Amino acid sequence: MKSLYLPLLISFFLFIIPACNTDQTETSITHRNDGNILMEYEVNYCEWTGDKIETIRYGAIIKSDKSTLYFKSVECAIAWQLAMNNKSDSENLLVVDFIHGKKLIPAVDAIYLQSTLRPSPGKLFISALEKSNTFMHGRVYEAYPGTFLEWDELVKLVKMEWGTTPVSPKTHQIN
């Protein structure tokens, strides 16, 4: 009988006590495209606002041969492009697919849902959805009714809300 208590006691100390530890560190969530890590939440900073990128299911990157720029939302990436007068980077702009949550897709291959029930980090209530996943468009729309926008309509919305040459909040920060 005594030999049964020793394995139970060892199991308790090996498995139960560590599970109760509240000081566990969270690992950052990453988004991948073509096998390369491109974005890490709680690690990367938004090029437009200077804020840490934190909101899962949102984000965008502009990747070129020379650099990778990170944004906390697609509207921030568009604002950066407008301010830099750099429309050619739209081809290199990838956005996080809201449905999948960890998948980066080309911005021009997405449809955008604007719903006040689904706040985005850029404050324009925009969620990117992969265009080809039409079944899930209806499901997301049922949960968050709103308006679907194509890429050009989204760019016009950002221009209308933030101006044709928006000024980044990052430029107003005092270091």
N, C-alpha and C. Protein backbone atom coordinates (compact mmCIF):
# COMPACT_ATOMS: atom_id res chain seq x y z
N MET A 1 0.80 -1.19 0.00
CA MET A 1 0.00 0.00 0.00
C MET A 1 0.86 1.27 0.00
N LYS A 2 1.96 1.23 0.77
CA LYS A 2 2.83 2.39 0.84
C LYS A 2 3.48 2.70 -0.50
N SER A 3 3.70 1.69 -1.31
CA SER A 3 4.36 1.92 -2.61
C SER A 3 3.44 2.67 -3.58
N LEU A 4 2.16 2.68 -3.34
CA LEU A 4 1.21 3.41 -4.18
C LEU A 4 1.28 4.91 -3.90
N TYR A 5 1.56 5.31 -2.67
CA TYR A 5 1.60 6.71 -2.32
C TYR A 5 2.77 7.45 -2.93
N LEU A 6 3.89 6.81 -3.05
CA LEU A 6 5.07 7.47 -3.61
C LEU A 6 4.86 7.90 -5.06
N PRO A 7 4.36 7.05 -5.97
CA PRO A 7 4.10 7.52 -7.34
C PRO A 7 3.05 8.62 -7.40
N LEU A 8 2.04 8.55 -6.54
CA LEU A 8 1.03 9.61 -6.52
C LEU A 8 1.63 10.92 -6.05
N LEU A 9 2.47 10.88 -5.06
CA LEU A 9 3.13 12.07 -4.55
C LEU A 9 4.05 12.68 -5.60
N ILE A 10 4.79 11.85 -6.30
CA ILE A 10 5.69 12.33 -7.36
C ILE A 10 4.87 12.95 -8.49
N SER A 11 3.78 12.32 -8.88
CA SER A 11 2.90 12.85 -9.93
C SER A 11 2.35 14.21 -9.52
N PHE A 12 1.97 14.34 -8.25
CA PHE A 12 1.43 15.59 -7.76
C PHE A 12 2.44 16.72 -7.93
N PHE A 13 3.68 16.48 -7.53
CA PHE A 13 4.70 17.51 -7.62
C PHE A 13 5.15 17.79 -9.05
N LEU A 14 5.08 16.79 -9.92
CA LEU A 14 5.51 16.99 -11.30
C LEU A 14 4.46 17.64 -12.19
N PHE A 15 3.19 17.36 -11.93
CA PHE A 15 2.15 17.82 -12.85
C PHE A 15 1.19 18.84 -12.25
N ILE A 16 0.74 18.64 -11.07
CA ILE A 16 -0.28 19.50 -10.48
C ILE A 16 0.30 20.83 -10.02
N ILE A 17 1.37 20.83 -9.30
CA ILE A 17 1.97 22.07 -8.79
C ILE A 17 2.39 23.00 -9.94
N PRO A 18 3.11 22.53 -10.97
CA PRO A 18 3.46 23.45 -12.06
C PRO A 18 2.25 24.00 -12.80
N ALA A 19 1.16 23.25 -12.88
CA ALA A 19 -0.05 23.72 -13.56
C ALA A 19 -0.70 24.87 -12.81
N CYS A 20 -0.48 24.97 -11.52
CA CYS A 20 -1.06 26.03 -10.71
C CYS A 20 -0.24 27.30 -10.74
N ASN A 21 0.92 27.27 -11.30
CA ASN A 21 1.80 28.43 -11.36
C ASN A 21 1.15 29.52 -12.20
N THR A 22 0.90 30.69 -11.61
CA THR A 22 0.26 31.79 -12.33
C THR A 22 1.26 32.70 -13.01
N ASP A 23 2.54 32.49 -12.83
CA ASP A 23 3.56 33.35 -13.41
C ASP A 23 4.10 32.77 -14.72
N GLN A 24 3.21 32.26 -15.56
CA GLN A 24 3.65 31.71 -16.83
C GLN A 24 3.67 32.82 -17.86
N THR A 25 4.67 32.84 -18.72
CA THR A 25 4.76 33.87 -19.75
C THR A 25 4.03 33.41 -21.00
N GLU A 26 3.37 34.37 -21.65
CA GLU A 26 2.63 34.08 -22.88
C GLU A 26 3.58 34.15 -24.06
N THR A 27 3.44 33.22 -24.97
CA THR A 27 4.25 33.31 -26.18
C THR A 27 3.50 34.18 -27.17
N SER A 28 4.23 34.92 -27.97
CA SER A 28 3.59 35.79 -28.94
C SER A 28 3.02 34.98 -30.09
N ILE A 29 1.94 35.45 -30.63
CA ILE A 29 1.29 34.80 -31.76
C ILE A 29 1.91 35.33 -33.04
N THR A 30 2.19 34.44 -33.95
CA THR A 30 2.81 34.86 -35.20
C THR A 30 1.90 34.57 -36.37
N HIS A 31 2.09 35.32 -37.43
CA HIS A 31 1.39 35.10 -38.67
C HIS A 31 2.43 34.70 -39.70
N ARG A 32 2.10 33.72 -40.51
CA ARG A 32 3.05 33.21 -41.48
C ARG A 32 2.50 33.33 -42.90
N ASN A 33 3.42 33.47 -43.82
CA ASN A 33 3.10 33.47 -45.24
C ASN A 33 4.28 32.85 -45.94
N ASP A 34 4.04 31.83 -46.73
CA ASP A 34 5.10 31.12 -47.46
C ASP A 34 6.18 30.57 -46.53
N GLY A 35 5.79 30.20 -45.33
CA GLY A 35 6.74 29.58 -44.42
C GLY A 35 7.63 30.54 -43.65
N ASN A 36 7.57 31.82 -43.94
CA ASN A 36 8.39 32.81 -43.23
C ASN A 36 7.55 33.51 -42.18
N ILE A 37 8.12 33.73 -41.02
CA ILE A 37 7.41 34.51 -39.99
C ILE A 37 7.45 35.96 -40.44
N LEU A 38 6.28 36.57 -40.50
CA LEU A 38 6.21 37.95 -40.95
C LEU A 38 5.75 38.92 -39.88
N MET A 39 4.87 38.49 -39.00
CA MET A 39 4.35 39.40 -37.99
C MET A 39 4.23 38.67 -36.66
N GLU A 40 4.60 39.37 -35.61
CA GLU A 40 4.45 38.83 -34.26
C GLU A 40 3.72 39.86 -33.41
N TYR A 41 2.60 39.45 -32.83
CA TYR A 41 1.88 40.33 -31.93
C TYR A 41 2.70 40.53 -30.66
N GLU A 42 2.57 41.71 -30.09
CA GLU A 42 3.29 42.09 -28.87
C GLU A 42 4.79 42.26 -29.12
N VAL A 43 5.23 42.16 -30.37
CA VAL A 43 6.65 42.33 -30.70
C VAL A 43 6.82 43.46 -31.72
N ASN A 44 6.05 43.40 -32.81
CA ASN A 44 6.17 44.39 -33.88
C ASN A 44 5.41 45.67 -33.53
N TYR A 45 5.86 46.78 -34.12
CA TYR A 45 5.24 48.08 -33.92
C TYR A 45 4.67 48.59 -35.24
N CYS A 46 3.55 49.31 -35.14
CA CYS A 46 2.90 49.88 -36.31
C CYS A 46 3.71 51.04 -36.86
N GLU A 47 4.01 50.98 -38.13
CA GLU A 47 4.77 52.04 -38.80
C GLU A 47 3.99 53.36 -38.81
N TRP A 48 2.68 53.29 -38.82
CA TRP A 48 1.85 54.48 -38.91
C TRP A 48 1.65 55.16 -37.56
N THR A 49 1.33 54.38 -36.53
CA THR A 49 1.00 54.98 -35.23
C THR A 49 2.14 54.91 -34.22
N GLY A 50 3.06 53.99 -34.42
CA GLY A 50 4.12 53.78 -33.45
C GLY A 50 3.71 52.88 -32.29
N ASP A 51 2.46 52.42 -32.30
CA ASP A 51 1.95 51.55 -31.22
C ASP A 51 2.36 50.11 -31.45
N LYS A 52 2.42 49.36 -30.36
CA LYS A 52 2.67 47.92 -30.45
C LYS A 52 1.46 47.26 -31.10
N ILE A 53 1.70 46.29 -31.97
CA ILE A 53 0.62 45.58 -32.64
C ILE A 53 0.13 44.49 -31.70
N GLU A 54 -1.14 44.59 -31.28
CA GLU A 54 -1.65 43.71 -30.24
C GLU A 54 -2.91 42.93 -30.62
N THR A 55 -3.76 43.47 -31.47
CA THR A 55 -5.08 42.89 -31.71
C THR A 55 -5.02 41.75 -32.71
N ILE A 56 -5.28 40.56 -32.23
CA ILE A 56 -5.26 39.36 -33.06
C ILE A 56 -6.39 39.44 -34.08
N ARG A 57 -6.16 38.90 -35.26
CA ARG A 57 -7.05 38.90 -36.42
C ARG A 57 -6.99 40.19 -37.21
N TYR A 58 -6.12 41.11 -36.80
CA TYR A 58 -5.94 42.36 -37.52
C TYR A 58 -4.47 42.60 -37.74
N GLY A 59 -4.16 43.35 -38.78
CA GLY A 59 -2.79 43.72 -39.06
C GLY A 59 -2.52 43.68 -40.55
N ALA A 60 -1.43 44.30 -40.93
CA ALA A 60 -1.02 44.33 -42.33
C ALA A 60 0.49 44.51 -42.37
N ILE A 61 1.08 44.08 -43.46
CA ILE A 61 2.50 44.32 -43.68
C ILE A 61 2.72 44.71 -45.12
N ILE A 62 3.75 45.48 -45.33
CA ILE A 62 4.23 45.76 -46.68
C ILE A 62 5.64 45.20 -46.71
N LYS A 63 5.83 44.19 -47.52
CA LYS A 63 7.12 43.50 -47.59
C LYS A 63 7.75 43.76 -48.95
N SER A 64 8.96 44.25 -48.91
CA SER A 64 9.73 44.46 -50.14
C SER A 64 11.06 43.74 -49.99
N ASP A 65 11.88 43.81 -51.01
CA ASP A 65 13.19 43.18 -50.94
C ASP A 65 14.06 43.82 -49.86
N LYS A 66 13.84 45.09 -49.61
CA LYS A 66 14.70 45.84 -48.69
C LYS A 66 14.20 45.85 -47.25
N SER A 67 12.87 45.85 -47.07
CA SER A 67 12.37 46.00 -45.70
C SER A 67 10.97 45.40 -45.56
N THR A 68 10.54 45.33 -44.31
CA THR A 68 9.18 44.91 -43.99
C THR A 68 8.61 45.96 -43.04
N LEU A 69 7.46 46.50 -43.43
CA LEU A 69 6.78 47.49 -42.61
C LEU A 69 5.54 46.84 -42.01
N TYR A 70 5.31 47.07 -40.73
CA TYR A 70 4.21 46.45 -40.01
C TYR A 70 3.16 47.50 -39.65
N PHE A 71 1.88 47.09 -39.68
CA PHE A 71 0.78 47.99 -39.37
C PHE A 71 -0.24 47.24 -38.52
N LYS A 72 -0.89 47.97 -37.60
CA LYS A 72 -1.85 47.31 -36.72
C LYS A 72 -3.20 47.07 -37.39
N SER A 73 -3.43 47.68 -38.55
CA SER A 73 -4.67 47.46 -39.30
C SER A 73 -4.45 47.82 -40.76
N VAL A 74 -5.36 47.37 -41.60
CA VAL A 74 -5.24 47.69 -43.03
C VAL A 74 -5.45 49.19 -43.25
N GLU A 75 -6.32 49.83 -42.45
CA GLU A 75 -6.53 51.26 -42.64
C GLU A 75 -5.27 52.07 -42.31
N CYS A 76 -4.47 51.60 -41.36
CA CYS A 76 -3.20 52.27 -41.07
C CYS A 76 -2.21 52.10 -42.22
N ALA A 77 -2.21 50.93 -42.85
CA ALA A 77 -1.33 50.70 -44.00
C ALA A 77 -1.73 51.59 -45.17
N ILE A 78 -3.03 51.74 -45.40
CA ILE A 78 -3.50 52.61 -46.49
C ILE A 78 -3.14 54.06 -46.19
N ALA A 79 -3.32 54.49 -44.95
CA ALA A 79 -2.97 55.86 -44.57
C ALA A 79 -1.48 56.12 -44.80
N TRP A 80 -0.64 55.15 -44.45
CA TRP A 80 0.80 55.29 -44.68
C TRP A 80 1.08 55.44 -46.18
N GLN A 81 0.42 54.60 -46.99
CA GLN A 81 0.61 54.68 -48.44
C GLN A 81 0.17 56.05 -48.97
N LEU A 82 -0.95 56.55 -48.49
CA LEU A 82 -1.43 57.85 -48.94
C LEU A 82 -0.45 58.96 -48.54
N ALA A 83 0.03 58.90 -47.32
CA ALA A 83 0.97 59.92 -46.84
C ALA A 83 2.29 59.89 -47.60
N MET A 84 2.72 58.68 -47.97
CA MET A 84 3.98 58.52 -48.69
C MET A 84 3.79 58.60 -50.21
N ASN A 85 2.52 58.74 -50.63
CA ASN A 85 2.19 58.75 -52.06
C ASN A 85 2.78 57.53 -52.74
N ASN A 86 2.58 56.38 -52.12
CA ASN A 86 3.23 55.14 -52.54
C ASN A 86 2.18 54.07 -52.84
N LYS A 87 1.47 54.22 -53.94
CA LYS A 87 0.42 53.28 -54.29
C LYS A 87 0.96 51.98 -54.86
N SER A 88 2.20 51.98 -55.34
CA SER A 88 2.76 50.77 -55.95
C SER A 88 2.94 49.66 -54.92
N ASP A 89 3.03 50.01 -53.65
CA ASP A 89 3.21 49.00 -52.61
C ASP A 89 1.94 48.19 -52.34
N SER A 90 0.81 48.58 -52.95
CA SER A 90 -0.42 47.82 -52.75
C SER A 90 -0.25 46.38 -53.20
N GLU A 91 0.59 46.16 -54.18
CA GLU A 91 0.85 44.81 -54.66
C GLU A 91 1.59 43.98 -53.62
N ASN A 92 2.37 44.63 -52.77
CA ASN A 92 3.14 43.95 -51.72
C ASN A 92 2.47 44.01 -50.36
N LEU A 93 1.26 44.53 -50.31
CA LEU A 93 0.53 44.67 -49.05
C LEU A 93 -0.21 43.38 -48.74
N LEU A 94 0.07 42.82 -47.57
CA LEU A 94 -0.62 41.63 -47.09
C LEU A 94 -1.41 42.00 -45.85
N VAL A 95 -2.61 41.43 -45.73
CA VAL A 95 -3.46 41.70 -44.57
C VAL A 95 -3.80 40.40 -43.88
N VAL A 96 -4.10 40.48 -42.60
CA VAL A 96 -4.49 39.30 -41.84
C VAL A 96 -5.95 38.97 -42.17
N ASP A 97 -6.18 37.73 -42.57
CA ASP A 97 -7.53 37.26 -42.86
C ASP A 97 -8.27 37.08 -41.53
N PHE A 98 -9.32 37.86 -41.32
CA PHE A 98 -10.08 37.84 -40.08
C PHE A 98 -10.65 36.44 -39.80
N ILE A 99 -11.10 35.76 -40.84
CA ILE A 99 -11.72 34.44 -40.67
C ILE A 99 -10.70 33.42 -40.17
N HIS A 100 -9.58 33.35 -40.84
CA HIS A 100 -8.55 32.36 -40.49
C HIS A 100 -7.83 32.78 -39.21
N GLY A 101 -7.54 34.05 -39.08
CA GLY A 101 -6.91 34.56 -37.88
C GLY A 101 -5.41 34.60 -37.89
N LYS A 102 -4.77 33.70 -38.63
CA LYS A 102 -3.31 33.67 -38.65
C LYS A 102 -2.75 33.66 -40.07
N LYS A 103 -3.60 33.87 -41.04
CA LYS A 103 -3.19 33.78 -42.43
C LYS A 103 -3.08 35.17 -43.04
N LEU A 104 -1.97 35.42 -43.72
CA LEU A 104 -1.78 36.68 -44.43
C LEU A 104 -2.16 36.48 -45.89
N ILE A 105 -2.95 37.40 -46.41
CA ILE A 105 -3.40 37.33 -47.80
C ILE A 105 -3.12 38.65 -48.50
N PRO A 106 -2.96 38.63 -49.83
CA PRO A 106 -2.78 39.90 -50.55
C PRO A 106 -4.00 40.81 -50.34
N ALA A 107 -3.75 42.07 -50.08
CA ALA A 107 -4.83 43.02 -49.79
C ALA A 107 -5.82 43.13 -50.94
N VAL A 108 -5.33 43.02 -52.16
CA VAL A 108 -6.22 43.14 -53.31
C VAL A 108 -7.08 41.90 -53.50
N ASP A 109 -6.75 40.79 -52.83
CA ASP A 109 -7.54 39.55 -52.90
C ASP A 109 -8.49 39.42 -51.72
N ALA A 110 -8.73 40.50 -51.02
CA ALA A 110 -9.61 40.48 -49.84
C ALA A 110 -10.84 41.33 -50.11
N ILE A 111 -11.88 41.03 -49.37
CA ILE A 111 -13.05 41.90 -49.31
C ILE A 111 -13.09 42.40 -47.87
N TYR A 112 -13.59 43.59 -47.67
CA TYR A 112 -13.50 44.21 -46.36
C TYR A 112 -14.89 44.48 -45.80
N LEU A 113 -15.12 43.99 -44.58
CA LEU A 113 -16.39 44.22 -43.91
C LEU A 113 -16.23 45.39 -42.95
N GLN A 114 -17.08 46.40 -43.14
CA GLN A 114 -17.12 47.51 -42.19
C GLN A 114 -18.36 47.32 -41.33
N SER A 115 -18.13 47.04 -40.05
CA SER A 115 -19.23 46.81 -39.11
C SER A 115 -18.91 47.48 -37.78
N THR A 116 -19.83 48.28 -37.30
CA THR A 116 -19.62 48.94 -36.02
C THR A 116 -19.65 47.96 -34.85
N LEU A 117 -20.08 46.73 -35.12
CA LEU A 117 -20.07 45.70 -34.08
C LEU A 117 -18.72 45.02 -33.95
N ARG A 118 -17.80 45.31 -34.87
CA ARG A 118 -16.47 44.67 -34.86
C ARG A 118 -15.40 45.74 -34.96
N PRO A 119 -15.01 46.35 -33.83
CA PRO A 119 -13.99 47.41 -33.86
C PRO A 119 -12.64 46.90 -34.33
N SER A 120 -11.97 47.69 -35.12
CA SER A 120 -10.62 47.36 -35.57
C SER A 120 -9.64 48.32 -34.93
N PRO A 121 -8.37 47.95 -34.86
CA PRO A 121 -7.38 48.81 -34.21
C PRO A 121 -7.21 50.17 -34.89
N GLY A 122 -7.55 50.26 -36.19
CA GLY A 122 -7.46 51.54 -36.90
C GLY A 122 -8.66 52.43 -36.69
N LYS A 123 -9.65 51.94 -35.95
CA LYS A 123 -10.85 52.70 -35.56
C LYS A 123 -11.83 52.96 -36.70
N LEU A 124 -11.69 52.29 -37.85
CA LEU A 124 -12.65 52.44 -38.93
C LEU A 124 -13.54 51.19 -39.07
N PHE A 125 -13.44 50.27 -38.13
CA PHE A 125 -14.30 49.09 -38.06
C PHE A 125 -14.16 48.19 -39.30
N ILE A 126 -12.93 47.97 -39.76
CA ILE A 126 -12.66 47.21 -40.98
C ILE A 126 -12.06 45.85 -40.63
N SER A 127 -12.64 44.79 -41.18
CA SER A 127 -12.11 43.44 -41.06
C SER A 127 -11.88 42.88 -42.46
N ALA A 128 -10.69 42.36 -42.71
CA ALA A 128 -10.35 41.79 -44.02
C ALA A 128 -10.77 40.32 -44.07
N LEU A 129 -11.44 39.93 -45.15
CA LEU A 129 -11.88 38.55 -45.35
C LEU A 129 -11.38 38.08 -46.71
N GLU A 130 -10.90 36.86 -46.77
CA GLU A 130 -10.45 36.32 -48.05
C GLU A 130 -11.65 36.23 -49.00
N LYS A 131 -11.51 36.84 -50.18
CA LYS A 131 -12.62 36.91 -51.15
C LYS A 131 -13.17 35.55 -51.53
N SER A 132 -12.31 34.57 -51.69
CA SER A 132 -12.75 33.27 -52.19
C SER A 132 -13.55 32.46 -51.16
N ASN A 133 -13.54 32.86 -49.90
CA ASN A 133 -14.24 32.13 -48.85
C ASN A 133 -15.66 32.69 -48.67
N THR A 134 -16.47 32.60 -49.72
CA THR A 134 -17.80 33.22 -49.72
C THR A 134 -18.74 32.64 -48.66
N PHE A 135 -18.60 31.36 -48.36
CA PHE A 135 -19.44 30.75 -47.33
C PHE A 135 -19.27 31.49 -46.01
N MET A 136 -18.03 31.78 -45.64
CA MET A 136 -17.77 32.43 -44.35
C MET A 136 -18.15 33.91 -44.37
N HIS A 137 -18.24 34.53 -45.55
CA HIS A 137 -18.68 35.93 -45.61
C HIS A 137 -20.06 36.06 -44.96
N GLY A 138 -20.95 35.13 -45.33
CA GLY A 138 -22.30 35.15 -44.78
C GLY A 138 -22.33 34.92 -43.28
N ARG A 139 -21.48 34.01 -42.81
CA ARG A 139 -21.42 33.73 -41.37
C ARG A 139 -20.92 34.94 -40.58
N VAL A 140 -19.86 35.57 -41.09
CA VAL A 140 -19.32 36.75 -40.42
C VAL A 140 -20.34 37.88 -40.47
N TYR A 141 -21.01 38.03 -41.61
CA TYR A 141 -22.02 39.09 -41.76
C TYR A 141 -23.18 38.88 -40.78
N GLU A 142 -23.58 37.62 -40.55
CA GLU A 142 -24.65 37.34 -39.59
C GLU A 142 -24.25 37.80 -38.19
N ALA A 143 -23.00 37.59 -37.83
CA ALA A 143 -22.52 37.98 -36.51
C ALA A 143 -22.26 39.48 -36.41
N TYR A 144 -21.77 40.07 -37.49
CA TYR A 144 -21.39 41.49 -37.51
C TYR A 144 -21.96 42.15 -38.76
N PRO A 145 -23.26 42.46 -38.80
CA PRO A 145 -23.83 43.09 -39.99
C PRO A 145 -23.14 44.41 -40.30
N GLY A 146 -22.98 44.67 -41.58
CA GLY A 146 -22.33 45.90 -42.00
C GLY A 146 -22.30 46.00 -43.51
N THR A 147 -21.26 46.62 -44.03
CA THR A 147 -21.12 46.85 -45.46
C THR A 147 -19.84 46.20 -45.96
N PHE A 148 -19.95 45.46 -47.07
CA PHE A 148 -18.76 44.90 -47.70
C PHE A 148 -18.17 45.92 -48.66
N LEU A 149 -16.84 46.07 -48.61
CA LEU A 149 -16.13 47.02 -49.46
C LEU A 149 -15.06 46.30 -50.28
N GLU A 150 -14.90 46.72 -51.52
CA GLU A 150 -13.78 46.27 -52.34
C GLU A 150 -12.58 47.14 -52.00
N TRP A 151 -11.40 46.78 -52.50
CA TRP A 151 -10.16 47.50 -52.19
C TRP A 151 -10.27 48.99 -52.51
N ASP A 152 -10.73 49.33 -53.71
CA ASP A 152 -10.83 50.74 -54.11
C ASP A 152 -11.78 51.52 -53.21
N GLU A 153 -12.88 50.88 -52.81
CA GLU A 153 -13.83 51.53 -51.92
C GLU A 153 -13.22 51.77 -50.54
N LEU A 154 -12.40 50.84 -50.09
CA LEU A 154 -11.74 50.99 -48.80
C LEU A 154 -10.74 52.15 -48.83
N VAL A 155 -9.98 52.25 -49.90
CA VAL A 155 -9.04 53.36 -50.04
C VAL A 155 -9.79 54.69 -50.02
N LYS A 156 -10.92 54.77 -50.72
CA LYS A 156 -11.74 56.00 -50.72
C LYS A 156 -12.26 56.31 -49.32
N LEU A 157 -12.66 55.28 -48.58
CA LEU A 157 -13.14 55.47 -47.22
C LEU A 157 -12.05 56.06 -46.33
N VAL A 158 -10.84 55.52 -46.42
CA VAL A 158 -9.73 56.03 -45.61
C VAL A 158 -9.43 57.48 -46.00
N LYS A 159 -9.45 57.79 -47.30
CA LYS A 159 -9.23 59.19 -47.75
C LYS A 159 -10.30 60.11 -47.19
N MET A 160 -11.56 59.64 -47.21
CA MET A 160 -12.67 60.46 -46.74
C MET A 160 -12.56 60.70 -45.22
N GLU A 161 -12.20 59.65 -44.47
CA GLU A 161 -12.14 59.75 -43.02
C GLU A 161 -10.89 60.46 -42.51
N TRP A 162 -9.75 60.21 -43.15
CA TRP A 162 -8.48 60.71 -42.63
C TRP A 162 -7.81 61.73 -43.54
N GLY A 163 -8.40 62.04 -44.68
CA GLY A 163 -7.83 63.01 -45.60
C GLY A 163 -6.95 62.34 -46.65
N THR A 164 -6.69 63.07 -47.74
CA THR A 164 -5.93 62.49 -48.84
C THR A 164 -4.45 62.35 -48.52
N THR A 165 -3.95 63.18 -47.61
CA THR A 165 -2.58 63.02 -47.14
C THR A 165 -2.61 63.06 -45.60
N PRO A 166 -3.02 61.95 -44.99
CA PRO A 166 -3.18 61.93 -43.53
C PRO A 166 -1.84 62.12 -42.81
N VAL A 167 -1.94 62.64 -41.61
CA VAL A 167 -0.75 62.84 -40.78
C VAL A 167 -0.76 61.75 -39.71
N SER A 168 0.34 61.07 -39.58
CA SER A 168 0.43 59.96 -38.63
C SER A 168 0.42 60.45 -37.19
N PRO A 169 -0.30 59.74 -36.32
CA PRO A 169 -0.24 60.07 -34.90
C PRO A 169 1.18 59.92 -34.36
N LYS A 170 1.96 59.07 -35.01
CA LYS A 170 3.35 58.85 -34.60
C LYS A 170 4.17 60.15 -34.65
N THR A 171 3.86 61.02 -35.61
CA THR A 171 4.61 62.26 -35.75
C THR A 171 4.31 63.25 -34.62
N HIS A 172 3.20 63.04 -33.92
CA HIS A 172 2.82 63.94 -32.83
C HIS A 172 3.31 63.47 -31.48
N GLN A 173 3.92 62.30 -31.42
CA GLN A 173 4.37 61.77 -30.13
C GLN A 173 5.63 62.48 -29.68
N ILE A 174 5.70 62.72 -28.40
CA ILE A 174 6.89 63.35 -27.82
C ILE A 174 7.74 62.23 -27.22
N ASN A 175 8.98 62.16 -27.65
CA ASN A 175 9.88 61.10 -27.14
C ASN A 175 10.66 61.59 -25.96
